[in-house]
Amino acid sequence: MKLMEERVRRDGLIENGDVLKVGTFLNQTIDVPFICECAEEFYRLFGNEGVTKILTIEASGIGLACLTAVPFGVPVLFAKKSRSSNMAGGVYTAPVYSFTHGTQHEIMVPDTMLGPGDRVLLIDDFLAKGEALHGLLTLCEKAGASVVGAGIFIEKQYQGGGDEIRAMGIRVESLAKIKSMSVEDGVEFC
């Protein structure tokens, strides 16, 4: 989607340590009209897949998943990174390492909210090494839910996570695929 590439070029900020900051439109401040255009693109790509639920991980993915769910007309379920007092009963869990935060989380969803009848579209802001998607796929597998694919706003293709997930037979559609990036050279898209 050229629109996302143009937005990253215009408003993204590359920092040392392989960091792309997109907080002015994607994950700190959410440019709602722009994200709604992205949601329509995900609907164009996955609208015929019988999606019954959108699944993401807290926190950055929640707003994006909610706006993506609108054209699909389905609910959003998000995996929590810690068990809260209002999460009673059984849960499906999966380990996820966050390279951004340098921490390991045990993500979870209640076992009553995800099951064999669900056709799930995974949504996330970034795909780099694939840790978050692996965790979400594990939750779906434990629940017996079918995964129709993953919608990614920005993929760091050079880090290999997308290729690994695709090799598992999962359809991954990314709105922007970064081939390389550096502070000196900027960003190059696939």
N, C-alpha and C. Protein backbone atom coordinates (compact mmCIF):
# COMPACT_ATOMS: atom_id res chain seq x y z
N MET A 1 0.86 -1.17 0.00
CA MET A 1 0.00 0.00 0.00
C MET A 1 0.90 1.23 0.00
N LYS A 2 0.95 1.89 -1.09
CA LYS A 2 1.82 3.07 -1.24
C LYS A 2 1.52 4.14 -0.21
N LEU A 3 0.26 4.22 0.21
CA LEU A 3 -0.15 5.23 1.18
C LEU A 3 0.65 5.10 2.48
N MET A 4 0.85 3.86 2.95
CA MET A 4 1.61 3.65 4.19
C MET A 4 3.09 3.96 3.95
N GLU A 5 3.63 3.56 2.81
CA GLU A 5 5.03 3.86 2.52
C GLU A 5 5.26 5.37 2.51
N GLU A 6 4.36 6.10 1.86
CA GLU A 6 4.49 7.56 1.82
C GLU A 6 4.42 8.16 3.21
N ARG A 7 3.54 7.63 4.04
CA ARG A 7 3.39 8.16 5.40
C ARG A 7 4.63 7.89 6.24
N VAL A 8 5.20 6.70 6.09
CA VAL A 8 6.43 6.37 6.83
C VAL A 8 7.55 7.28 6.38
N ARG A 9 7.68 7.49 5.07
CA ARG A 9 8.72 8.38 4.57
C ARG A 9 8.55 9.80 5.11
N ARG A 10 7.31 10.27 5.14
CA ARG A 10 7.03 11.64 5.55
C ARG A 10 7.15 11.85 7.07
N ASP A 11 6.56 10.91 7.84
CA ASP A 11 6.44 11.14 9.28
C ASP A 11 7.21 10.17 10.16
N GLY A 12 7.79 9.12 9.58
CA GLY A 12 8.55 8.17 10.39
C GLY A 12 9.91 8.74 10.76
N LEU A 13 10.41 8.35 11.88
CA LEU A 13 11.71 8.81 12.37
C LEU A 13 12.57 7.59 12.67
N ILE A 14 13.67 7.47 11.96
CA ILE A 14 14.58 6.35 12.17
C ILE A 14 15.61 6.74 13.20
N GLU A 15 15.80 5.85 14.19
CA GLU A 15 16.80 6.08 15.22
C GLU A 15 17.77 4.90 15.23
N ASN A 16 18.93 5.11 15.82
CA ASN A 16 19.90 4.03 15.98
C ASN A 16 19.26 2.88 16.74
N GLY A 17 19.77 1.69 16.52
CA GLY A 17 19.23 0.53 17.20
C GLY A 17 18.07 -0.08 16.45
N ASP A 18 17.94 0.24 15.15
CA ASP A 18 16.90 -0.35 14.31
C ASP A 18 15.50 0.03 14.76
N VAL A 19 15.34 1.27 15.19
CA VAL A 19 14.06 1.76 15.68
C VAL A 19 13.43 2.69 14.66
N LEU A 20 12.17 2.42 14.33
CA LEU A 20 11.38 3.30 13.48
C LEU A 20 10.25 3.84 14.33
N LYS A 21 10.29 5.13 14.58
CA LYS A 21 9.24 5.76 15.38
C LYS A 21 8.13 6.26 14.46
N VAL A 22 6.92 5.81 14.73
CA VAL A 22 5.74 6.21 13.97
C VAL A 22 4.63 6.67 14.91
N GLY A 23 5.06 7.21 16.03
CA GLY A 23 4.14 7.63 17.07
C GLY A 23 3.27 8.82 16.71
N THR A 24 3.59 9.52 15.63
CA THR A 24 2.78 10.68 15.25
C THR A 24 1.55 10.29 14.45
N PHE A 25 1.45 8.99 14.06
CA PHE A 25 0.26 8.59 13.30
C PHE A 25 -0.20 7.16 13.54
N LEU A 26 0.65 6.29 14.13
CA LEU A 26 0.29 4.88 14.19
C LEU A 26 0.13 4.32 15.59
N ASN A 27 1.03 4.64 16.50
CA ASN A 27 0.94 3.93 17.78
C ASN A 27 1.10 4.76 19.05
N GLN A 28 1.24 6.02 18.96
CA GLN A 28 1.15 6.89 20.13
C GLN A 28 -0.03 7.82 19.91
N THR A 29 0.05 8.55 18.81
CA THR A 29 -1.09 9.28 18.28
C THR A 29 -1.62 8.44 17.13
N ILE A 30 -2.91 8.20 17.10
CA ILE A 30 -3.50 7.43 16.01
C ILE A 30 -4.24 8.39 15.09
N ASP A 31 -3.79 8.46 13.85
CA ASP A 31 -4.45 9.27 12.83
C ASP A 31 -5.66 8.46 12.35
N VAL A 32 -6.80 8.69 12.95
CA VAL A 32 -7.98 7.85 12.73
C VAL A 32 -8.40 7.81 11.26
N PRO A 33 -8.54 8.95 10.56
CA PRO A 33 -8.94 8.83 9.14
C PRO A 33 -7.94 8.00 8.31
N PHE A 34 -6.65 8.17 8.59
CA PHE A 34 -5.63 7.41 7.88
C PHE A 34 -5.75 5.92 8.19
N ILE A 35 -5.89 5.58 9.47
CA ILE A 35 -6.00 4.18 9.86
C ILE A 35 -7.28 3.56 9.30
N CYS A 36 -8.35 4.35 9.18
CA CYS A 36 -9.58 3.83 8.56
C CYS A 36 -9.35 3.48 7.09
N GLU A 37 -8.52 4.24 6.40
CA GLU A 37 -8.16 3.89 5.02
C GLU A 37 -7.39 2.57 5.01
N CYS A 38 -6.51 2.40 5.96
CA CYS A 38 -5.76 1.14 6.08
C CYS A 38 -6.71 -0.01 6.37
N ALA A 39 -7.69 0.22 7.23
CA ALA A 39 -8.67 -0.81 7.57
C ALA A 39 -9.44 -1.25 6.33
N GLU A 40 -9.78 -0.31 5.48
CA GLU A 40 -10.48 -0.65 4.23
C GLU A 40 -9.60 -1.53 3.34
N GLU A 41 -8.30 -1.28 3.36
CA GLU A 41 -7.39 -2.11 2.58
C GLU A 41 -7.34 -3.52 3.15
N PHE A 42 -7.30 -3.66 4.48
CA PHE A 42 -7.34 -5.00 5.08
C PHE A 42 -8.66 -5.69 4.74
N TYR A 43 -9.75 -4.93 4.72
CA TYR A 43 -11.04 -5.52 4.36
C TYR A 43 -11.02 -5.99 2.90
N ARG A 44 -10.41 -5.21 2.03
CA ARG A 44 -10.30 -5.62 0.63
C ARG A 44 -9.51 -6.93 0.51
N LEU A 45 -8.47 -7.06 1.33
CA LEU A 45 -7.61 -8.24 1.28
C LEU A 45 -8.23 -9.46 1.95
N PHE A 46 -8.95 -9.27 3.04
CA PHE A 46 -9.45 -10.40 3.84
C PHE A 46 -10.98 -10.45 3.97
N GLY A 47 -11.68 -9.55 3.32
CA GLY A 47 -13.13 -9.46 3.49
C GLY A 47 -13.92 -10.69 3.09
N ASN A 48 -13.36 -11.52 2.23
CA ASN A 48 -14.06 -12.73 1.78
C ASN A 48 -13.65 -13.98 2.55
N GLU A 49 -12.95 -13.79 3.66
CA GLU A 49 -12.42 -14.93 4.42
C GLU A 49 -13.32 -15.38 5.57
N GLY A 50 -14.46 -14.76 5.74
CA GLY A 50 -15.37 -15.17 6.82
C GLY A 50 -14.86 -14.85 8.21
N VAL A 51 -14.15 -13.75 8.34
CA VAL A 51 -13.58 -13.35 9.64
C VAL A 51 -14.71 -13.18 10.66
N THR A 52 -14.55 -13.81 11.82
CA THR A 52 -15.51 -13.66 12.92
C THR A 52 -14.94 -12.88 14.10
N LYS A 53 -13.60 -12.73 14.11
CA LYS A 53 -12.97 -12.05 15.24
C LYS A 53 -11.61 -11.53 14.81
N ILE A 54 -11.24 -10.38 15.35
CA ILE A 54 -9.89 -9.83 15.15
C ILE A 54 -9.15 -9.95 16.47
N LEU A 55 -7.91 -10.44 16.39
CA LEU A 55 -7.10 -10.67 17.59
C LEU A 55 -5.81 -9.87 17.48
N THR A 56 -5.44 -9.22 18.57
CA THR A 56 -4.21 -8.45 18.65
C THR A 56 -3.64 -8.57 20.06
N ILE A 57 -2.54 -7.88 20.31
CA ILE A 57 -1.91 -7.85 21.64
C ILE A 57 -1.99 -6.43 22.17
N GLU A 58 -2.25 -6.31 23.49
CA GLU A 58 -2.21 -4.97 24.07
C GLU A 58 -0.78 -4.44 23.99
N ALA A 59 -0.50 -3.21 23.89
CA ALA A 59 -1.41 -2.09 23.91
C ALA A 59 -1.49 -1.44 22.52
N SER A 60 -0.37 -1.37 21.80
CA SER A 60 -0.36 -0.63 20.53
C SER A 60 -1.34 -1.17 19.51
N GLY A 61 -1.60 -2.45 19.53
CA GLY A 61 -2.47 -3.04 18.53
C GLY A 61 -3.95 -2.79 18.74
N ILE A 62 -4.37 -2.41 19.95
CA ILE A 62 -5.80 -2.34 20.25
C ILE A 62 -6.53 -1.31 19.39
N GLY A 63 -6.05 -0.08 19.36
CA GLY A 63 -6.73 0.95 18.57
C GLY A 63 -6.76 0.60 17.10
N LEU A 64 -5.65 0.08 16.59
CA LEU A 64 -5.58 -0.30 15.18
C LEU A 64 -6.55 -1.44 14.87
N ALA A 65 -6.62 -2.42 15.76
CA ALA A 65 -7.52 -3.54 15.56
C ALA A 65 -8.98 -3.09 15.61
N CYS A 66 -9.29 -2.18 16.53
CA CYS A 66 -10.67 -1.69 16.63
C CYS A 66 -11.10 -0.98 15.35
N LEU A 67 -10.25 -0.14 14.82
CA LEU A 67 -10.60 0.55 13.58
C LEU A 67 -10.66 -0.43 12.40
N THR A 68 -9.81 -1.43 12.42
CA THR A 68 -9.84 -2.45 11.37
C THR A 68 -11.12 -3.28 11.45
N ALA A 69 -11.62 -3.50 12.64
CA ALA A 69 -12.82 -4.33 12.81
C ALA A 69 -14.08 -3.67 12.24
N VAL A 70 -14.09 -2.36 12.11
CA VAL A 70 -15.31 -1.66 11.67
C VAL A 70 -15.82 -2.16 10.33
N PRO A 71 -15.01 -2.17 9.25
CA PRO A 71 -15.57 -2.66 7.99
C PRO A 71 -15.92 -4.15 8.02
N PHE A 72 -15.27 -4.92 8.88
CA PHE A 72 -15.59 -6.34 9.00
C PHE A 72 -16.86 -6.58 9.80
N GLY A 73 -17.19 -5.64 10.70
CA GLY A 73 -18.37 -5.80 11.54
C GLY A 73 -18.23 -6.92 12.55
N VAL A 74 -17.02 -7.09 13.08
CA VAL A 74 -16.74 -8.17 14.03
C VAL A 74 -16.09 -7.60 15.29
N PRO A 75 -16.11 -8.36 16.39
CA PRO A 75 -15.47 -7.89 17.62
C PRO A 75 -13.95 -8.04 17.58
N VAL A 76 -13.30 -7.30 18.47
CA VAL A 76 -11.86 -7.37 18.67
C VAL A 76 -11.59 -8.02 20.01
N LEU A 77 -10.67 -8.94 20.01
CA LEU A 77 -10.18 -9.57 21.24
C LEU A 77 -8.70 -9.24 21.33
N PHE A 78 -8.26 -8.79 22.50
CA PHE A 78 -6.83 -8.55 22.64
C PHE A 78 -6.24 -9.41 23.74
N ALA A 79 -5.06 -9.91 23.46
CA ALA A 79 -4.32 -10.70 24.43
C ALA A 79 -3.68 -9.76 25.43
N LYS A 80 -3.87 -10.06 26.69
CA LYS A 80 -3.27 -9.26 27.76
C LYS A 80 -1.88 -9.78 28.07
N LYS A 81 -1.05 -8.86 28.56
CA LYS A 81 0.33 -9.22 28.91
C LYS A 81 0.48 -9.61 30.37
N SER A 82 -0.59 -9.45 31.13
CA SER A 82 -0.59 -9.90 32.53
C SER A 82 -2.03 -10.17 32.94
N ARG A 83 -2.17 -11.06 33.86
CA ARG A 83 -3.50 -11.44 34.34
C ARG A 83 -4.04 -10.36 35.27
N SER A 84 -5.24 -9.90 34.99
CA SER A 84 -5.87 -8.90 35.84
C SER A 84 -6.89 -9.58 36.76
N SER A 85 -7.32 -8.86 37.77
CA SER A 85 -8.24 -9.43 38.76
C SER A 85 -9.60 -9.78 38.17
N ASN A 86 -9.95 -9.16 37.05
CA ASN A 86 -11.25 -9.48 36.45
C ASN A 86 -11.17 -10.60 35.41
N MET A 87 -10.04 -11.25 35.30
CA MET A 87 -9.88 -12.37 34.37
C MET A 87 -9.94 -13.67 35.17
N ALA A 88 -11.16 -14.15 35.37
CA ALA A 88 -11.37 -15.37 36.14
C ALA A 88 -11.47 -16.55 35.19
N GLY A 89 -11.21 -17.73 35.70
CA GLY A 89 -11.36 -18.94 34.90
C GLY A 89 -10.13 -19.27 34.10
N GLY A 90 -10.32 -20.17 33.14
CA GLY A 90 -9.22 -20.66 32.34
C GLY A 90 -8.77 -19.66 31.28
N VAL A 91 -7.51 -19.76 30.94
CA VAL A 91 -6.95 -18.88 29.90
C VAL A 91 -6.04 -19.71 29.00
N TYR A 92 -5.93 -19.25 27.76
CA TYR A 92 -4.91 -19.75 26.86
C TYR A 92 -3.73 -18.81 26.98
N THR A 93 -2.52 -19.34 27.04
CA THR A 93 -1.33 -18.51 27.20
C THR A 93 -0.28 -18.86 26.15
N ALA A 94 0.61 -17.90 25.93
CA ALA A 94 1.75 -18.12 25.03
C ALA A 94 2.84 -17.13 25.41
N PRO A 95 4.10 -17.55 25.33
CA PRO A 95 5.20 -16.63 25.63
C PRO A 95 5.48 -15.73 24.42
N VAL A 96 5.78 -14.47 24.70
CA VAL A 96 6.15 -13.50 23.65
C VAL A 96 7.28 -12.63 24.18
N TYR A 97 8.36 -12.58 23.42
CA TYR A 97 9.47 -11.70 23.79
C TYR A 97 9.32 -10.40 23.01
N SER A 98 9.41 -9.27 23.71
CA SER A 98 9.34 -7.95 23.08
C SER A 98 10.75 -7.40 22.93
N PHE A 99 11.20 -7.29 21.68
CA PHE A 99 12.52 -6.71 21.43
C PHE A 99 12.51 -5.21 21.72
N THR A 100 11.37 -4.57 21.50
CA THR A 100 11.24 -3.14 21.75
C THR A 100 11.47 -2.82 23.22
N HIS A 101 10.88 -3.65 24.10
CA HIS A 101 10.98 -3.39 25.54
C HIS A 101 12.03 -4.26 26.23
N GLY A 102 12.54 -5.26 25.52
CA GLY A 102 13.53 -6.15 26.12
C GLY A 102 12.96 -7.00 27.24
N THR A 103 11.68 -7.39 27.10
CA THR A 103 11.02 -8.16 28.16
C THR A 103 10.27 -9.35 27.58
N GLN A 104 10.10 -10.36 28.42
CA GLN A 104 9.32 -11.54 28.08
C GLN A 104 7.95 -11.41 28.74
N HIS A 105 6.91 -11.69 27.98
CA HIS A 105 5.54 -11.65 28.52
C HIS A 105 4.87 -12.99 28.28
N GLU A 106 3.94 -13.31 29.13
CA GLU A 106 3.07 -14.46 28.94
C GLU A 106 1.72 -13.87 28.54
N ILE A 107 1.44 -13.83 27.22
CA ILE A 107 0.18 -13.24 26.79
C ILE A 107 -0.94 -14.24 27.03
N MET A 108 -2.17 -13.71 27.20
CA MET A 108 -3.28 -14.60 27.53
C MET A 108 -4.62 -14.04 27.08
N VAL A 109 -5.53 -14.96 26.77
CA VAL A 109 -6.93 -14.63 26.53
C VAL A 109 -7.78 -15.64 27.28
N PRO A 110 -8.93 -15.22 27.78
CA PRO A 110 -9.82 -16.17 28.45
C PRO A 110 -10.27 -17.27 27.48
N ASP A 111 -10.34 -18.49 27.98
CA ASP A 111 -10.71 -19.61 27.11
C ASP A 111 -12.16 -19.56 26.67
N THR A 112 -12.95 -18.67 27.26
CA THR A 112 -14.35 -18.51 26.85
C THR A 112 -14.50 -17.53 25.69
N MET A 113 -13.42 -16.83 25.32
CA MET A 113 -13.52 -15.77 24.31
C MET A 113 -12.91 -16.13 22.97
N LEU A 114 -12.33 -17.32 22.87
CA LEU A 114 -11.72 -17.76 21.62
C LEU A 114 -11.91 -19.26 21.52
N GLY A 115 -12.46 -19.71 20.37
CA GLY A 115 -12.74 -21.13 20.27
C GLY A 115 -12.79 -21.65 18.86
N PRO A 116 -13.16 -22.92 18.71
CA PRO A 116 -13.14 -23.60 17.42
C PRO A 116 -14.02 -22.95 16.34
N GLY A 117 -15.05 -22.24 16.71
CA GLY A 117 -15.90 -21.60 15.71
C GLY A 117 -15.35 -20.31 15.16
N ASP A 118 -14.25 -19.83 15.71
CA ASP A 118 -13.72 -18.53 15.30
C ASP A 118 -12.81 -18.64 14.08
N ARG A 119 -13.00 -17.66 13.18
CA ARG A 119 -12.10 -17.45 12.03
C ARG A 119 -11.44 -16.10 12.29
N VAL A 120 -10.16 -16.16 12.62
CA VAL A 120 -9.45 -15.03 13.23
C VAL A 120 -8.53 -14.33 12.22
N LEU A 121 -8.61 -13.01 12.24
CA LEU A 121 -7.64 -12.17 11.54
C LEU A 121 -6.76 -11.54 12.60
N LEU A 122 -5.46 -11.78 12.52
CA LEU A 122 -4.50 -11.18 13.45
C LEU A 122 -4.12 -9.81 12.92
N ILE A 123 -4.06 -8.82 13.80
CA ILE A 123 -3.69 -7.46 13.43
C ILE A 123 -2.58 -6.99 14.36
N ASP A 124 -1.52 -6.39 13.78
CA ASP A 124 -0.47 -5.81 14.61
C ASP A 124 0.16 -4.63 13.88
N ASP A 125 0.75 -3.73 14.66
CA ASP A 125 1.35 -2.54 14.07
C ASP A 125 2.64 -2.88 13.34
N PHE A 126 3.51 -3.68 13.96
CA PHE A 126 4.80 -4.04 13.37
C PHE A 126 4.97 -5.55 13.31
N LEU A 127 5.70 -6.00 12.32
CA LEU A 127 6.18 -7.37 12.23
C LEU A 127 7.67 -7.29 11.96
N ALA A 128 8.46 -7.78 12.89
CA ALA A 128 9.91 -7.78 12.73
C ALA A 128 10.40 -9.23 12.75
N LYS A 129 10.62 -9.76 13.93
CA LYS A 129 11.11 -11.13 14.05
C LYS A 129 9.98 -12.14 14.21
N GLY A 130 8.76 -11.67 14.35
CA GLY A 130 7.60 -12.55 14.38
C GLY A 130 7.17 -13.04 15.74
N GLU A 131 7.77 -12.55 16.79
CA GLU A 131 7.44 -13.03 18.14
C GLU A 131 5.95 -12.85 18.48
N ALA A 132 5.41 -11.66 18.23
CA ALA A 132 4.01 -11.40 18.58
C ALA A 132 3.07 -12.32 17.79
N LEU A 133 3.33 -12.45 16.49
CA LEU A 133 2.47 -13.32 15.68
C LEU A 133 2.57 -14.78 16.12
N HIS A 134 3.77 -15.23 16.45
CA HIS A 134 3.91 -16.60 16.96
C HIS A 134 3.05 -16.79 18.20
N GLY A 135 3.08 -15.82 19.10
CA GLY A 135 2.28 -15.92 20.31
C GLY A 135 0.79 -15.96 20.01
N LEU A 136 0.33 -15.08 19.12
CA LEU A 136 -1.09 -15.06 18.76
C LEU A 136 -1.50 -16.35 18.06
N LEU A 137 -0.63 -16.87 17.20
CA LEU A 137 -0.91 -18.14 16.53
C LEU A 137 -1.03 -19.28 17.55
N THR A 138 -0.17 -19.26 18.56
CA THR A 138 -0.23 -20.28 19.61
C THR A 138 -1.55 -20.22 20.35
N LEU A 139 -2.01 -19.00 20.67
CA LEU A 139 -3.30 -18.86 21.35
C LEU A 139 -4.42 -19.46 20.50
N CYS A 140 -4.42 -19.14 19.21
CA CYS A 140 -5.45 -19.65 18.30
C CYS A 140 -5.39 -21.17 18.20
N GLU A 141 -4.19 -21.71 18.12
CA GLU A 141 -4.02 -23.16 18.04
C GLU A 141 -4.57 -23.83 19.30
N LYS A 142 -4.24 -23.29 20.46
CA LYS A 142 -4.73 -23.86 21.72
C LYS A 142 -6.25 -23.81 21.80
N ALA A 143 -6.85 -22.76 21.22
CA ALA A 143 -8.30 -22.59 21.27
C ALA A 143 -9.02 -23.37 20.17
N GLY A 144 -8.26 -23.88 19.20
CA GLY A 144 -8.88 -24.56 18.08
C GLY A 144 -9.47 -23.61 17.06
N ALA A 145 -9.10 -22.33 17.12
CA ALA A 145 -9.60 -21.33 16.19
C ALA A 145 -8.82 -21.38 14.88
N SER A 146 -9.47 -21.01 13.79
CA SER A 146 -8.82 -20.96 12.48
C SER A 146 -8.27 -19.56 12.25
N VAL A 147 -7.05 -19.47 11.78
CA VAL A 147 -6.45 -18.18 11.46
C VAL A 147 -6.55 -17.98 9.95
N VAL A 148 -7.23 -16.91 9.54
CA VAL A 148 -7.36 -16.63 8.11
C VAL A 148 -6.16 -15.85 7.58
N GLY A 149 -5.42 -15.21 8.48
CA GLY A 149 -4.24 -14.47 8.07
C GLY A 149 -3.87 -13.41 9.08
N ALA A 150 -2.88 -12.61 8.70
CA ALA A 150 -2.40 -11.53 9.56
C ALA A 150 -2.30 -10.26 8.74
N GLY A 151 -2.85 -9.18 9.27
CA GLY A 151 -2.74 -7.86 8.68
C GLY A 151 -1.74 -7.05 9.47
N ILE A 152 -0.68 -6.62 8.80
CA ILE A 152 0.41 -5.91 9.46
C ILE A 152 0.51 -4.52 8.85
N PHE A 153 0.63 -3.52 9.69
CA PHE A 153 0.75 -2.16 9.19
C PHE A 153 2.14 -1.91 8.60
N ILE A 154 3.20 -2.30 9.32
CA ILE A 154 4.57 -2.12 8.83
C ILE A 154 5.37 -3.38 9.13
N GLU A 155 5.97 -3.94 8.09
CA GLU A 155 6.81 -5.13 8.26
C GLU A 155 8.26 -4.77 8.00
N LYS A 156 9.12 -5.12 8.94
CA LYS A 156 10.57 -5.00 8.73
C LYS A 156 11.00 -6.32 8.09
N GLN A 157 10.83 -6.39 6.78
CA GLN A 157 11.04 -7.61 6.01
C GLN A 157 12.43 -8.17 6.22
N TYR A 158 13.43 -7.32 6.36
CA TYR A 158 14.82 -7.74 6.50
C TYR A 158 15.09 -8.48 7.80
N GLN A 159 14.15 -8.46 8.75
CA GLN A 159 14.37 -9.19 10.01
C GLN A 159 13.83 -10.61 9.96
N GLY A 160 13.13 -10.97 8.89
CA GLY A 160 12.79 -12.36 8.63
C GLY A 160 11.54 -12.94 9.27
N GLY A 161 10.91 -12.24 10.17
CA GLY A 161 9.73 -12.80 10.84
C GLY A 161 8.58 -13.08 9.88
N GLY A 162 8.36 -12.20 8.94
CA GLY A 162 7.28 -12.40 7.98
C GLY A 162 7.51 -13.62 7.11
N ASP A 163 8.74 -13.81 6.67
CA ASP A 163 9.06 -14.98 5.85
C ASP A 163 8.84 -16.26 6.64
N GLU A 164 9.22 -16.24 7.91
CA GLU A 164 9.05 -17.41 8.77
C GLU A 164 7.57 -17.75 8.95
N ILE A 165 6.76 -16.75 9.19
CA ILE A 165 5.31 -16.97 9.38
C ILE A 165 4.69 -17.45 8.07
N ARG A 166 5.06 -16.84 6.96
CA ARG A 166 4.53 -17.27 5.65
C ARG A 166 4.93 -18.72 5.35
N ALA A 167 6.14 -19.11 5.74
CA ALA A 167 6.60 -20.49 5.52
C ALA A 167 5.76 -21.50 6.30
N MET A 168 5.08 -21.04 7.34
CA MET A 168 4.19 -21.90 8.12
C MET A 168 2.82 -22.05 7.43
N GLY A 169 2.65 -21.36 6.30
CA GLY A 169 1.38 -21.44 5.59
C GLY A 169 0.38 -20.37 5.99
N ILE A 170 0.81 -19.38 6.76
CA ILE A 170 -0.07 -18.30 7.19
C ILE A 170 0.02 -17.16 6.18
N ARG A 171 -1.11 -16.67 5.76
CA ARG A 171 -1.15 -15.53 4.85
C ARG A 171 -0.85 -14.26 5.64
N VAL A 172 0.18 -13.55 5.25
CA VAL A 172 0.56 -12.28 5.88
C VAL A 172 0.49 -11.19 4.83
N GLU A 173 -0.29 -10.16 5.12
CA GLU A 173 -0.41 -9.01 4.22
C GLU A 173 0.07 -7.78 4.99
N SER A 174 1.10 -7.14 4.46
CA SER A 174 1.68 -5.96 5.11
C SER A 174 1.45 -4.73 4.25
N LEU A 175 1.06 -3.64 4.88
CA LEU A 175 0.77 -2.41 4.14
C LEU A 175 2.04 -1.71 3.69
N ALA A 176 3.13 -1.94 4.39
CA ALA A 176 4.45 -1.45 3.98
C ALA A 176 5.48 -2.50 4.40
N LYS A 177 6.36 -2.86 3.47
CA LYS A 177 7.42 -3.83 3.75
C LYS A 177 8.75 -3.12 3.58
N ILE A 178 9.46 -2.99 4.68
CA ILE A 178 10.75 -2.31 4.67
C ILE A 178 11.85 -3.30 4.31
N LYS A 179 12.58 -2.98 3.25
CA LYS A 179 13.70 -3.81 2.80
C LYS A 179 14.94 -3.53 3.63
N SER A 180 15.17 -2.23 3.92
CA SER A 180 16.30 -1.84 4.76
C SER A 180 16.03 -0.44 5.30
N MET A 181 16.71 -0.11 6.39
CA MET A 181 16.61 1.24 6.91
C MET A 181 17.81 1.54 7.78
N SER A 182 18.20 2.80 7.76
CA SER A 182 19.28 3.27 8.63
C SER A 182 19.13 4.77 8.78
N VAL A 183 19.73 5.30 9.81
CA VAL A 183 19.70 6.74 10.05
C VAL A 183 20.35 7.46 8.87
N GLU A 184 21.43 6.87 8.35
CA GLU A 184 22.18 7.51 7.26
C GLU A 184 21.44 7.46 5.92
N ASP A 185 20.86 6.32 5.59
CA ASP A 185 20.28 6.09 4.28
C ASP A 185 18.77 6.20 4.21
N GLY A 186 18.12 6.33 5.35
CA GLY A 186 16.66 6.38 5.36
C GLY A 186 16.06 4.99 5.21
N VAL A 187 14.85 4.94 4.64
CA VAL A 187 14.12 3.69 4.51
C VAL A 187 13.97 3.31 3.04
N GLU A 188 14.17 2.01 2.77
CA GLU A 188 13.94 1.48 1.43
C GLU A 188 12.87 0.40 1.54
N PHE A 189 11.85 0.50 0.70
CA PHE A 189 10.75 -0.45 0.72
C PHE A 189 10.93 -1.53 -0.34
N CYS A 190 10.34 -2.68 -0.11
CA CYS A 190 10.38 -3.80 -1.07
C CYS A 190 9.55 -3.47 -2.28
